[in-house]
């Protein structure tokens, strides 16, 4: 009898989604709205943290694609849905999140 091994962790998926949902709720609660320019404050800071968190998830999906369902989905997005398709797209998405998330963090802190 063969036993299929699954290294995917449902607990890790719940933690990943809970952190993302918490950051997203905090972003909207503290005043960052779609279609309005970001202003200094906690809303923009939380929005920047959310974007950086998504970029880190893409980077983790490059190194650990089979660790959780969320990371394997992000790996699938990079390999099948991106143009050009490939695992290296994780690095592009991570870089874009650092640029845009970092800029939003700086706006939220009042530096920009």
PDB file of N, CA and C in Angstrom:
ATOM      1  N   UNK A   1       0.828  -1.173   0.000  1.00  0.00           N
ATOM      2  CA  UNK A   1       0.000   0.000   0.000  1.00  0.00           C
ATOM      3  C   UNK A   1       0.880   1.246   0.000  1.00  0.00           C
ATOM      4  N   UNK A   2       0.736   2.040  -1.020  1.00  0.00           N
ATOM      5  CA  UNK A   2       1.527   3.256  -1.124  1.00  0.00           C
ATOM      6  C   UNK A   2       0.877   4.390  -0.361  1.00  0.00           C
ATOM      7  N   UNK A   3       1.713   5.100   0.320  1.00  0.00           N
ATOM      8  CA  UNK A   3       1.235   6.254   1.074  1.00  0.00           C
ATOM      9  C   UNK A   3       1.750   7.513   0.387  1.00  0.00           C
ATOM     10  N   UNK A   4       0.817   8.346  -0.033  1.00  0.00           N
ATOM     11  CA  UNK A   4       1.253   9.576  -0.701  1.00  0.00           C
ATOM     12  C   UNK A   4       1.674  10.587   0.351  1.00  0.00           C
ATOM     13  N   UNK A   5       2.833  11.150   0.131  1.00  0.00           N
ATOM     14  CA  UNK A   5       3.342  12.136   1.077  1.00  0.00           C
ATOM     15  C   UNK A   5       3.007  13.528   0.591  1.00  0.00           C
ATOM     16  N   UNK A   6       2.406  14.274   1.454  1.00  0.00           N
ATOM     17  CA  UNK A   6       2.094  15.655   1.138  1.00  0.00           C
ATOM     18  C   UNK A   6       2.775  16.537   2.170  1.00  0.00           C
ATOM     19  N   UNK A   7       3.667  17.377   1.702  1.00  0.00           N
ATOM     20  CA  UNK A   7       4.375  18.278   2.595  1.00  0.00           C
ATOM     21  C   UNK A   7       3.619  19.579   2.789  1.00  0.00           C
ATOM     22  N   UNK A   8       2.441  19.682   2.201  1.00  0.00           N
ATOM     23  CA  UNK A   8       1.686  20.916   2.302  1.00  0.00           C
ATOM     24  C   UNK A   8       0.993  20.987   3.656  1.00  0.00           C
ATOM     25  N   UNK A   9       1.073  22.149   4.242  1.00  0.00           N
ATOM     26  CA  UNK A   9       0.547  22.349   5.581  1.00  0.00           C
ATOM     27  C   UNK A   9      -0.669  23.264   5.537  1.00  0.00           C
ATOM     28  N   UNK A  10      -1.792  22.753   5.988  1.00  0.00           N
ATOM     29  CA  UNK A  10      -3.006  23.548   6.040  1.00  0.00           C
ATOM     30  C   UNK A  10      -2.911  24.627   7.110  1.00  0.00           C
ATOM     31  N   UNK A  11      -2.205  24.337   8.177  1.00  0.00           N
ATOM     32  CA  UNK A  11      -2.021  25.334   9.244  1.00  0.00           C
ATOM     33  C   UNK A  11      -1.235  26.531   8.705  1.00  0.00           C
ATOM     34  N   UNK A  12      -0.201  26.266   7.925  1.00  0.00           N
ATOM     35  CA  UNK A  12       0.578  27.348   7.319  1.00  0.00           C
ATOM     36  C   UNK A  12      -0.283  28.185   6.384  1.00  0.00           C
ATOM     37  N   UNK A  13      -1.167  27.537   5.628  1.00  0.00           N
ATOM     38  CA  UNK A  13      -2.075  28.276   4.752  1.00  0.00           C
ATOM     39  C   UNK A  13      -2.991  29.194   5.547  1.00  0.00           C
ATOM     40  N   UNK A  14      -3.523  28.698   6.648  1.00  0.00           N
ATOM     41  CA  UNK A  14      -4.415  29.513   7.475  1.00  0.00           C
ATOM     42  C   UNK A  14      -3.658  30.706   8.048  1.00  0.00           C
ATOM     43  N   UNK A  15      -2.425  30.500   8.481  1.00  0.00           N
ATOM     44  CA  UNK A  15      -1.621  31.600   9.029  1.00  0.00           C
ATOM     45  C   UNK A  15      -1.321  32.636   7.948  1.00  0.00           C
ATOM     46  N   UNK A  16      -0.956  32.187   6.749  1.00  0.00           N
ATOM     47  CA  UNK A  16      -0.659  33.101   5.647  1.00  0.00           C
ATOM     48  C   UNK A  16      -1.884  33.940   5.298  1.00  0.00           C
ATOM     49  N   UNK A  17      -3.025  33.300   5.183  1.00  0.00           N
ATOM     50  CA  UNK A  17      -4.252  34.016   4.823  1.00  0.00           C
ATOM     51  C   UNK A  17      -4.699  34.936   5.952  1.00  0.00           C
ATOM     52  N   UNK A  18      -4.537  34.505   7.205  1.00  0.00           N
ATOM     53  CA  UNK A  18      -4.934  35.349   8.339  1.00  0.00           C
ATOM     54  C   UNK A  18      -4.086  36.619   8.403  1.00  0.00           C
ATOM     55  N   UNK A  19      -2.794  36.493   8.172  1.00  0.00           N
ATOM     56  CA  UNK A  19      -1.920  37.677   8.182  1.00  0.00           C
ATOM     57  C   UNK A  19      -2.305  38.622   7.041  1.00  0.00           C
ATOM     58  N   UNK A  20      -2.536  38.059   5.841  1.00  0.00           N
ATOM     59  CA  UNK A  20      -2.914  38.897   4.695  1.00  0.00           C
ATOM     60  C   UNK A  20      -4.250  39.589   4.946  1.00  0.00           C
ATOM     61  N   UNK A  21      -5.216  38.859   5.480  1.00  0.00           N
ATOM     62  CA  UNK A  21      -6.521  39.459   5.751  1.00  0.00           C
ATOM     63  C   UNK A  21      -6.413  40.529   6.833  1.00  0.00           C
ATOM     64  N   UNK A  22      -5.615  40.282   7.853  1.00  0.00           N
ATOM     65  CA  UNK A  22      -5.422  41.269   8.910  1.00  0.00           C
ATOM     66  C   UNK A  22      -4.793  42.554   8.390  1.00  0.00           C
ATOM     67  N   UNK A  23      -3.786  42.415   7.549  1.00  0.00           N
ATOM     68  CA  UNK A  23      -3.153  43.598   6.963  1.00  0.00           C
ATOM     69  C   UNK A  23      -4.114  44.355   6.052  1.00  0.00           C
ATOM     70  N   UNK A  24      -4.910  43.618   5.288  1.00  0.00           N
ATOM     71  CA  UNK A  24      -5.855  44.256   4.380  1.00  0.00           C
ATOM     72  C   UNK A  24      -6.959  44.987   5.143  1.00  0.00           C
ATOM     73  N   UNK A  25      -7.481  44.371   6.192  1.00  0.00           N
ATOM     74  CA  UNK A  25      -8.511  45.019   7.007  1.00  0.00           C
ATOM     75  C   UNK A  25      -7.947  46.255   7.705  1.00  0.00           C
ATOM     76  N   UNK A  26      -6.736  46.143   8.225  1.00  0.00           N
ATOM     77  CA  UNK A  26      -6.107  47.289   8.886  1.00  0.00           C
ATOM     78  C   UNK A  26      -5.853  48.425   7.896  1.00  0.00           C
ATOM     79  N   UNK A  27      -5.493  48.073   6.685  1.00  0.00           N
ATOM     80  CA  UNK A  27      -5.254  49.090   5.661  1.00  0.00           C
ATOM     81  C   UNK A  27      -6.518  49.884   5.374  1.00  0.00           C
ATOM     82  N   UNK A  28      -7.622  49.182   5.180  1.00  0.00           N
ATOM     83  CA  UNK A  28      -8.866  49.888   4.873  1.00  0.00           C
ATOM     84  C   UNK A  28      -9.441  50.592   6.095  1.00  0.00           C
ATOM     85  N   UNK A  29      -9.246  50.031   7.270  1.00  0.00           N
ATOM     86  CA  UNK A  29      -9.775  50.654   8.483  1.00  0.00           C
ATOM     87  C   UNK A  29      -9.072  51.972   8.796  1.00  0.00           C
ATOM     88  N   UNK A  30      -7.783  52.037   8.525  1.00  0.00           N
ATOM     89  CA  UNK A  30      -7.021  53.234   8.857  1.00  0.00           C
ATOM     90  C   UNK A  30      -6.990  54.260   7.733  1.00  0.00           C
ATOM     91  N   UNK A  31      -7.807  54.097   6.708  1.00  0.00           N
ATOM     92  CA  UNK A  31      -8.038  55.190   5.789  1.00  0.00           C
ATOM     93  C   UNK A  31      -7.450  55.137   4.401  1.00  0.00           C
ATOM     94  N   UNK A  32      -6.776  54.078   4.003  1.00  0.00           N
ATOM     95  CA  UNK A  32      -6.278  54.018   2.631  1.00  0.00           C
ATOM     96  C   UNK A  32      -7.411  53.524   1.734  1.00  0.00           C
ATOM     97  N   UNK A  33      -7.772  54.324   0.728  1.00  0.00           N
ATOM     98  CA  UNK A  33      -8.877  53.977  -0.149  1.00  0.00           C
ATOM     99  C   UNK A  33      -8.404  53.906  -1.594  1.00  0.00           C
ATOM    100  N   UNK A  34      -9.035  53.033  -2.334  1.00  0.00           N
ATOM    101  CA  UNK A  34      -8.722  52.902  -3.749  1.00  0.00           C
ATOM    102  C   UNK A  34      -9.180  54.146  -4.500  1.00  0.00           C
ATOM    103  N   UNK A  35      -8.347  54.643  -5.373  1.00  0.00           N
ATOM    104  CA  UNK A  35      -8.705  55.789  -6.187  1.00  0.00           C
ATOM    105  C   UNK A  35      -8.360  57.131  -5.565  1.00  0.00           C
ATOM    106  N   UNK A  36      -7.915  57.126  -4.322  1.00  0.00           N
ATOM    107  CA  UNK A  36      -7.515  58.358  -3.652  1.00  0.00           C
ATOM    108  C   UNK A  36      -6.012  58.320  -3.418  1.00  0.00           C
ATOM    109  N   UNK A  37      -5.348  59.462  -3.494  1.00  0.00           N
ATOM    110  CA  UNK A  37      -3.899  59.443  -3.260  1.00  0.00           C
ATOM    111  C   UNK A  37      -3.575  59.054  -1.812  1.00  0.00           C
ATOM    112  N   UNK A  38      -2.483  58.344  -1.665  1.00  0.00           N
ATOM    113  CA  UNK A  38      -2.046  57.941  -0.332  1.00  0.00           C
ATOM    114  C   UNK A  38      -1.513  59.160   0.415  1.00  0.00           C
ATOM    115  N   UNK A  39      -1.886  59.264   1.668  1.00  0.00           N
ATOM    116  CA  UNK A  39      -1.421  60.370   2.505  1.00  0.00           C
ATOM    117  C   UNK A  39      -0.697  59.800   3.713  1.00  0.00           C
ATOM    118  N   UNK A  40      -0.005  60.671   4.401  1.00  0.00           N
ATOM    119  CA  UNK A  40       0.743  60.268   5.579  1.00  0.00           C
ATOM    120  C   UNK A  40      -0.224  59.686   6.623  1.00  0.00           C
ATOM    121  N   UNK A  41       0.159  58.550   7.171  1.00  0.00           N
ATOM    122  CA  UNK A  41      -0.671  57.950   8.192  1.00  0.00           C
ATOM    123  C   UNK A  41      -0.523  56.438   8.244  1.00  0.00           C
ATOM    124  N   UNK A  42      -1.244  55.873   9.160  1.00  0.00           N
ATOM    125  CA  UNK A  42      -1.150  54.437   9.401  1.00  0.00           C
ATOM    126  C   UNK A  42      -1.746  53.622   8.256  1.00  0.00           C
ATOM    127  N   UNK A  43      -2.741  54.164   7.563  1.00  0.00           N
ATOM    128  CA  UNK A  43      -3.348  53.438   6.448  1.00  0.00           C
ATOM    129  C   UNK A  43      -2.354  53.161   5.335  1.00  0.00           C
ATOM    130  N   UNK A  44      -1.596  54.172   4.952  1.00  0.00           N
ATOM    131  CA  UNK A  44      -0.592  53.998   3.895  1.00  0.00           C
ATOM    132  C   UNK A  44       0.535  53.077   4.359  1.00  0.00           C
ATOM    133  N   UNK A  45       0.891  53.183   5.626  1.00  0.00           N
ATOM    134  CA  UNK A  45       1.940  52.315   6.158  1.00  0.00           C
ATOM    135  C   UNK A  45       1.500  50.854   6.139  1.00  0.00           C
ATOM    136  N   UNK A  46       0.263  50.597   6.540  1.00  0.00           N
ATOM    137  CA  UNK A  46      -0.250  49.227   6.522  1.00  0.00           C
ATOM    138  C   UNK A  46      -0.405  48.723   5.088  1.00  0.00           C
ATOM    139  N   UNK A  47      -0.794  49.609   4.172  1.00  0.00           N
ATOM    140  CA  UNK A  47      -0.883  49.223   2.765  1.00  0.00           C
ATOM    141  C   UNK A  47       0.468  48.841   2.188  1.00  0.00           C
ATOM    142  N   UNK A  48       1.501  49.598   2.549  1.00  0.00           N
ATOM    143  CA  UNK A  48       2.848  49.249   2.111  1.00  0.00           C
ATOM    144  C   UNK A  48       3.308  47.921   2.688  1.00  0.00           C
ATOM    145  N   UNK A  49       2.966  47.681   3.952  1.00  0.00           N
ATOM    146  CA  UNK A  49       3.318  46.400   4.575  1.00  0.00           C
ATOM    147  C   UNK A  49       2.588  45.246   3.890  1.00  0.00           C
ATOM    148  N   UNK A  50       1.346  45.474   3.491  1.00  0.00           N
ATOM    149  CA  UNK A  50       0.571  44.445   2.789  1.00  0.00           C
ATOM    150  C   UNK A  50       1.205  44.107   1.441  1.00  0.00           C
ATOM    151  N   UNK A  51       1.591  45.119   0.692  1.00  0.00           N
ATOM    152  CA  UNK A  51       2.215  44.883  -0.615  1.00  0.00           C
ATOM    153  C   UNK A  51       3.561  44.174  -0.449  1.00  0.00           C
ATOM    154  N   UNK A  52       4.336  44.582   0.544  1.00  0.00           N
ATOM    155  CA  UNK A  52       5.605  43.901   0.818  1.00  0.00           C
ATOM    156  C   UNK A  52       5.379  42.448   1.235  1.00  0.00           C
ATOM    157  N   UNK A  53       4.337  42.208   2.007  1.00  0.00           N
ATOM    158  CA  UNK A  53       4.009  40.842   2.438  1.00  0.00           C
ATOM    159  C   UNK A  53       3.686  39.964   1.225  1.00  0.00           C
ATOM    160  N   UNK A  54       2.921  40.479   0.277  1.00  0.00           N
ATOM    161  CA  UNK A  54       2.623  39.702  -0.925  1.00  0.00           C
ATOM    162  C   UNK A  54       3.895  39.405  -1.725  1.00  0.00           C
ATOM    163  N   UNK A  55       4.799  40.365  -1.782  1.00  0.00           N
ATOM    164  CA  UNK A  55       6.071  40.131  -2.474  1.00  0.00           C
ATOM    165  C   UNK A  55       6.909  39.068  -1.788  1.00  0.00           C
ATOM    166  N   UNK A  56       6.914  39.086  -0.466  1.00  0.00           N
ATOM    167  CA  UNK A  56       7.651  38.060   0.280  1.00  0.00           C
ATOM    168  C   UNK A  56       7.026  36.686   0.047  1.00  0.00           C
ATOM    169  N   UNK A  57       5.706  36.632  -0.071  1.00  0.00           N
ATOM    170  CA  UNK A  57       5.057  35.350  -0.375  1.00  0.00           C
ATOM    171  C   UNK A  57       5.482  34.829  -1.743  1.00  0.00           C
ATOM    172  N   UNK A  58       5.597  35.721  -2.734  1.00  0.00           N
ATOM    173  CA  UNK A  58       6.088  35.285  -4.046  1.00  0.00           C
ATOM    174  C   UNK A  58       7.522  34.779  -3.949  1.00  0.00           C
ATOM    175  N   UNK A  59       8.340  35.450  -3.164  1.00  0.00           N
ATOM    176  CA  UNK A  59       9.727  35.003  -2.995  1.00  0.00           C
ATOM    177  C   UNK A  59       9.774  33.647  -2.293  1.00  0.00           C
ATOM    178  N   UNK A  60       8.953  33.457  -1.279  1.00  0.00           N
ATOM    179  CA  UNK A  60       8.900  32.163  -0.600  1.00  0.00           C
ATOM    180  C   UNK A  60       8.396  31.066  -1.534  1.00  0.00           C
ATOM    181  N   UNK A  61       7.499  31.421  -2.456  1.00  0.00           N
ATOM    182  CA  UNK A  61       7.010  30.410  -3.398  1.00  0.00           C
ATOM    183  C   UNK A  61       8.103  29.962  -4.361  1.00  0.00           C
ATOM    184  N   UNK A  62       9.116  30.790  -4.553  1.00  0.00           N
ATOM    185  CA  UNK A  62      10.249  30.386  -5.392  1.00  0.00           C
ATOM    186  C   UNK A  62      11.081  29.315  -4.683  1.00  0.00           C
ATOM    187  N   UNK A  63      11.304  29.495  -3.389  1.00  0.00           N
ATOM    188  CA  UNK A  63      12.159  28.573  -2.645  1.00  0.00           C
ATOM    189  C   UNK A  63      11.410  27.371  -2.083  1.00  0.00           C
ATOM    190  N   UNK A  64      10.152  27.549  -1.709  1.00  0.00           N
ATOM    191  CA  UNK A  64       9.377  26.477  -1.077  1.00  0.00           C
ATOM    192  C   UNK A  64       8.023  26.303  -1.768  1.00  0.00           C
ATOM    193  N   UNK A  65       7.999  25.901  -3.027  1.00  0.00           N
ATOM    194  CA  UNK A  65       6.725  25.857  -3.749  1.00  0.00           C
ATOM    195  C   UNK A  65       5.766  24.773  -3.267  1.00  0.00           C
ATOM    196  N   UNK A  66       6.231  23.750  -2.618  1.00  0.00           N
ATOM    197  CA  UNK A  66       5.362  22.648  -2.193  1.00  0.00           C
ATOM    198  C   UNK A  66       5.087  22.652  -0.696  1.00  0.00           C
ATOM    199  N   UNK A  67       5.400  23.741  -0.020  1.00  0.00           N
ATOM    200  CA  UNK A  67       5.241  23.803   1.431  1.00  0.00           C
ATOM    201  C   UNK A  67       3.792  24.059   1.856  1.00  0.00           C
ATOM    202  N   UNK A  68       3.041  24.799   1.029  1.00  0.00           N
ATOM    203  CA  UNK A  68       1.638  25.065   1.343  1.00  0.00           C
ATOM    204  C   UNK A  68       0.866  25.271   0.049  1.00  0.00           C
ATOM    205  N   UNK A  69      -0.451  25.244   0.152  1.00  0.00           N
ATOM    206  CA  UNK A  69      -1.287  25.416  -1.030  1.00  0.00           C
ATOM    207  C   UNK A  69      -1.175  26.843  -1.583  1.00  0.00           C
ATOM    208  N   UNK A  70      -1.062  27.826  -0.705  1.00  0.00           N
ATOM    209  CA  UNK A  70      -0.935  29.217  -1.156  1.00  0.00           C
ATOM    210  C   UNK A  70       0.367  29.405  -1.932  1.00  0.00           C
ATOM    211  N   UNK A  71       1.456  28.879  -1.400  1.00  0.00           N
ATOM    212  CA  UNK A  71       2.745  29.030  -2.085  1.00  0.00           C
ATOM    213  C   UNK A  71       2.761  28.259  -3.396  1.00  0.00           C
ATOM    214  N   UNK A  72       2.113  27.083  -3.452  1.00  0.00           N
ATOM    215  CA  UNK A  72       2.073  26.385  -4.731  1.00  0.00           C
ATOM    216  C   UNK A  72       1.188  27.101  -5.736  1.00  0.00           C
ATOM    217  N   UNK A  73       0.137  27.786  -5.264  1.00  0.00           N
ATOM    218  CA  UNK A  73      -0.673  28.580  -6.182  1.00  0.00           C
ATOM    219  C   UNK A  73       0.134  29.753  -6.741  1.00  0.00           C
ATOM    220  N   UNK A  74       0.909  30.425  -5.903  1.00  0.00           N
ATOM    221  CA  UNK A  74       1.729  31.539  -6.381  1.00  0.00           C
ATOM    222  C   UNK A  74       2.799  31.042  -7.353  1.00  0.00           C
ATOM    223  N   UNK A  75       3.345  29.857  -7.101  1.00  0.00           N
ATOM    224  CA  UNK A  75       4.298  29.260  -8.033  1.00  0.00           C
ATOM    225  C   UNK A  75       3.612  28.955  -9.365  1.00  0.00           C
ATOM    226  N   UNK A  76       2.381  28.472  -9.301  1.00  0.00           N
ATOM    227  CA  UNK A  76       1.604  28.210 -10.520  1.00  0.00           C
ATOM    228  C   UNK A  76       1.367  29.505 -11.300  1.00  0.00           C
ATOM    229  N   UNK A  77       1.050  30.578 -10.596  1.00  0.00           N
ATOM    230  CA  UNK A  77       0.842  31.872 -11.254  1.00  0.00           C
ATOM    231  C   UNK A  77       2.103  32.277 -12.016  1.00  0.00           C
ATOM    232  N   UNK A  78       3.251  32.086 -11.395  1.00  0.00           N
ATOM    233  CA  UNK A  78       4.509  32.470 -12.052  1.00  0.00           C
ATOM    234  C   UNK A  78       4.833  31.567 -13.238  1.00  0.00           C
ATOM    235  N   UNK A  79       4.589  30.265 -13.090  1.00  0.00           N
ATOM    236  CA  UNK A  79       4.955  29.330 -14.144  1.00  0.00           C
ATOM    237  C   UNK A  79       3.977  29.295 -15.307  1.00  0.00           C
ATOM    238  N   UNK A  80       2.696  29.466 -15.047  1.00  0.00           N
ATOM    239  CA  UNK A  80       1.695  29.268 -16.098  1.00  0.00           C
ATOM    240  C   UNK A  80       0.956  30.529 -16.527  1.00  0.00           C
ATOM    241  N   UNK A  81       0.802  31.499 -15.648  1.00  0.00           N
ATOM    242  CA  UNK A  81      -0.037  32.660 -15.967  1.00  0.00           C
ATOM    243  C   UNK A  81       0.748  33.919 -16.300  1.00  0.00           C
ATOM    244  N   UNK A  82       2.032  33.901 -16.111  1.00  0.00           N
ATOM    245  CA  UNK A  82       2.843  35.091 -16.366  1.00  0.00           C
ATOM    246  C   UNK A  82       3.407  35.044 -17.781  1.00  0.00           C
ATOM    247  N   UNK A  83       3.701  36.202 -18.294  1.00  0.00           N
ATOM    248  CA  UNK A  83       4.348  36.298 -19.595  1.00  0.00           C
ATOM    249  C   UNK A  83       5.565  37.178 -19.462  1.00  0.00           C
ATOM    250  N   UNK A  84       6.757  36.691 -19.622  1.00  0.00           N
ATOM    251  CA  UNK A  84       7.156  35.337 -19.935  1.00  0.00           C
ATOM    252  C   UNK A  84       6.967  34.422 -18.735  1.00  0.00           C
ATOM    253  N   UNK A  85       6.559  33.214 -19.007  1.00  0.00           N
ATOM    254  CA  UNK A  85       6.276  32.254 -17.945  1.00  0.00           C
ATOM    255  C   UNK A  85       7.572  31.652 -17.426  1.00  0.00           C
ATOM    256  N   UNK A  86       7.616  31.421 -16.141  1.00  0.00           N
ATOM    257  CA  UNK A  86       8.777  30.794 -15.534  1.00  0.00           C
ATOM    258  C   UNK A  86       8.850  31.095 -14.055  1.00  0.00           C
ATOM    259  N   UNK A  87       9.600  30.290 -13.351  1.00  0.00           N
ATOM    260  CA  UNK A  87       9.730  30.481 -11.910  1.00  0.00           C
ATOM    261  C   UNK A  87      10.441  31.777 -11.562  1.00  0.00           C
ATOM    262  N   UNK A  88      11.246  32.300 -12.478  1.00  0.00           N
ATOM    263  CA  UNK A  88      11.979  33.531 -12.207  1.00  0.00           C
ATOM    264  C   UNK A  88      11.057  34.739 -12.090  1.00  0.00           C
ATOM    265  N   UNK A  89       9.814  34.607 -12.517  1.00  0.00           N
ATOM    266  CA  UNK A  89       8.858  35.705 -12.375  1.00  0.00           C
ATOM    267  C   UNK A  89       8.583  36.011 -10.910  1.00  0.00           C
ATOM    268  N   UNK A  90       8.828  35.058 -10.020  1.00  0.00           N
ATOM    269  CA  UNK A  90       8.697  35.319  -8.580  1.00  0.00           C
ATOM    270  C   UNK A  90       9.609  36.472  -8.171  1.00  0.00           C
ATOM    271  N   UNK A  91      10.793  36.507  -8.739  1.00  0.00           N
ATOM    272  CA  UNK A  91      11.738  37.586  -8.422  1.00  0.00           C
ATOM    273  C   UNK A  91      11.240  38.925  -8.937  1.00  0.00           C
ATOM    274  N   UNK A  92      10.627  38.928 -10.118  1.00  0.00           N
ATOM    275  CA  UNK A  92      10.074  40.166 -10.652  1.00  0.00           C
ATOM    276  C   UNK A  92       8.953  40.685  -9.751  1.00  0.00           C
ATOM    277  N   UNK A  93       8.045  39.797  -9.360  1.00  0.00           N
ATOM    278  CA  UNK A  93       6.939  40.218  -8.495  1.00  0.00           C
ATOM    279  C   UNK A  93       7.451  40.677  -7.134  1.00  0.00           C
ATOM    280  N   UNK A  94       8.470  40.033  -6.612  1.00  0.00           N
ATOM    281  CA  UNK A  94       9.063  40.463  -5.349  1.00  0.00           C
ATOM    282  C   UNK A  94       9.687  41.850  -5.500  1.00  0.00           C
ATOM    283  N   UNK A  95      10.413  42.064  -6.589  1.00  0.00           N
ATOM    284  CA  UNK A  95      11.052  43.364  -6.824  1.00  0.00           C
ATOM    285  C   UNK A  95      10.018  44.476  -6.973  1.00  0.00           C
ATOM    286  N   UNK A  96       8.953  44.203  -7.709  1.00  0.00           N
ATOM    287  CA  UNK A  96       7.891  45.198  -7.863  1.00  0.00           C
ATOM    288  C   UNK A  96       7.226  45.521  -6.525  1.00  0.00           C
ATOM    289  N   UNK A  97       7.052  44.511  -5.698  1.00  0.00           N
ATOM    290  CA  UNK A  97       6.428  44.768  -4.390  1.00  0.00           C
ATOM    291  C   UNK A  97       7.358  45.577  -3.502  1.00  0.00           C
ATOM    292  N   UNK A  98       8.657  45.364  -3.601  1.00  0.00           N
ATOM    293  CA  UNK A  98       9.598  46.156  -2.806  1.00  0.00           C
ATOM    294  C   UNK A  98       9.563  47.619  -3.268  1.00  0.00           C
ATOM    295  N   UNK A  99       9.484  47.837  -4.568  1.00  0.00           N
ATOM    296  CA  UNK A  99       9.454  49.204  -5.087  1.00  0.00           C
ATOM    297  C   UNK A  99       8.160  49.908  -4.687  1.00  0.00           C
ATOM    298  N   UNK A 100       7.021  49.308  -5.005  1.00  0.00           N
ATOM    299  CA  UNK A 100       5.741  49.966  -4.735  1.00  0.00           C
ATOM    300  C   UNK A 100       5.384  49.946  -3.245  1.00  0.00           C
ATOM    301  N   UNK A 101       5.632  48.836  -2.586  1.00  0.00           N
ATOM    302  CA  UNK A 101       5.359  48.769  -1.153  1.00  0.00           C
ATOM    303  C   UNK A 101       6.276  49.670  -0.350  1.00  0.00           C
ATOM    304  N   UNK A 102       7.535  49.726  -0.742  1.00  0.00           N
ATOM    305  CA  UNK A 102       8.480  50.614  -0.063  1.00  0.00           C
ATOM    306  C   UNK A 102       8.107  52.078  -0.244  1.00  0.00           C
ATOM    307  N   UNK A 103       7.678  52.437  -1.463  1.00  0.00           N
ATOM    308  CA  UNK A 103       7.253  53.815  -1.704  1.00  0.00           C
ATOM    309  C   UNK A 103       6.016  54.157  -0.879  1.00  0.00           C
ATOM    310  N   UNK A 104       5.083  53.232  -0.779  1.00  0.00           N
ATOM    311  CA  UNK A 104       3.883  53.467   0.017  1.00  0.00           C
ATOM    312  C   UNK A 104       4.212  53.557   1.505  1.00  0.00           C
ATOM    313  N   UNK A 105       5.155  52.754   1.951  1.00  0.00           N
ATOM    314  CA  UNK A 105       5.619  52.864   3.343  1.00  0.00           C
ATOM    315  C   UNK A 105       6.237  54.233   3.616  1.00  0.00           C
ATOM    316  N   UNK A 106       7.051  54.700   2.680  1.00  0.00           N
ATOM    317  CA  UNK A 106       7.675  56.005   2.853  1.00  0.00           C
ATOM    318  C   UNK A 106       6.660  57.135   2.842  1.00  0.00           C
ATOM    319  N   UNK A 107       5.623  57.011   2.017  1.00  0.00           N
ATOM    320  CA  UNK A 107       4.547  58.003   2.016  1.00  0.00           C
ATOM    321  C   UNK A 107       3.820  57.972   3.350  1.00  0.00           C
ATOM    322  N   UNK A 108       3.557  56.784   3.848  1.00  0.00           N
ATOM    323  CA  UNK A 108       2.849  56.651   5.115  1.00  0.00           C
ATOM    324  C   UNK A 108       3.633  57.204   6.286  1.00  0.00           C
ATOM    325  N   UNK A 109       4.939  57.121   6.220  1.00  0.00           N
ATOM    326  CA  UNK A 109       5.782  57.636   7.302  1.00  0.00           C
ATOM    327  C   UNK A 109       6.086  59.125   7.148  1.00  0.00           C
ATOM    328  N   UNK A 110       5.690  59.694   6.017  1.00  0.00           N
ATOM    329  CA  UNK A 110       5.907  61.119   5.806  1.00  0.00           C
ATOM    330  C   UNK A 110       7.238  61.473   5.198  1.00  0.00           C
ATOM    331  N   UNK A 111       7.982  60.502   4.719  1.00  0.00           N
ATOM    332  CA  UNK A 111       9.291  60.767   4.116  1.00  0.00           C
ATOM    333  C   UNK A 111       9.119  61.305   2.687  1.00  0.00           C
ATOM    334  N   UNK A 112       8.189  60.747   1.943  1.00  0.00           N
ATOM    335  CA  UNK A 112       7.912  61.209   0.559  1.00  0.00           C
ATOM    336  C   UNK A 112       6.662  62.065   0.545  1.00  0.00           C
TER     337      UNK A 112
END
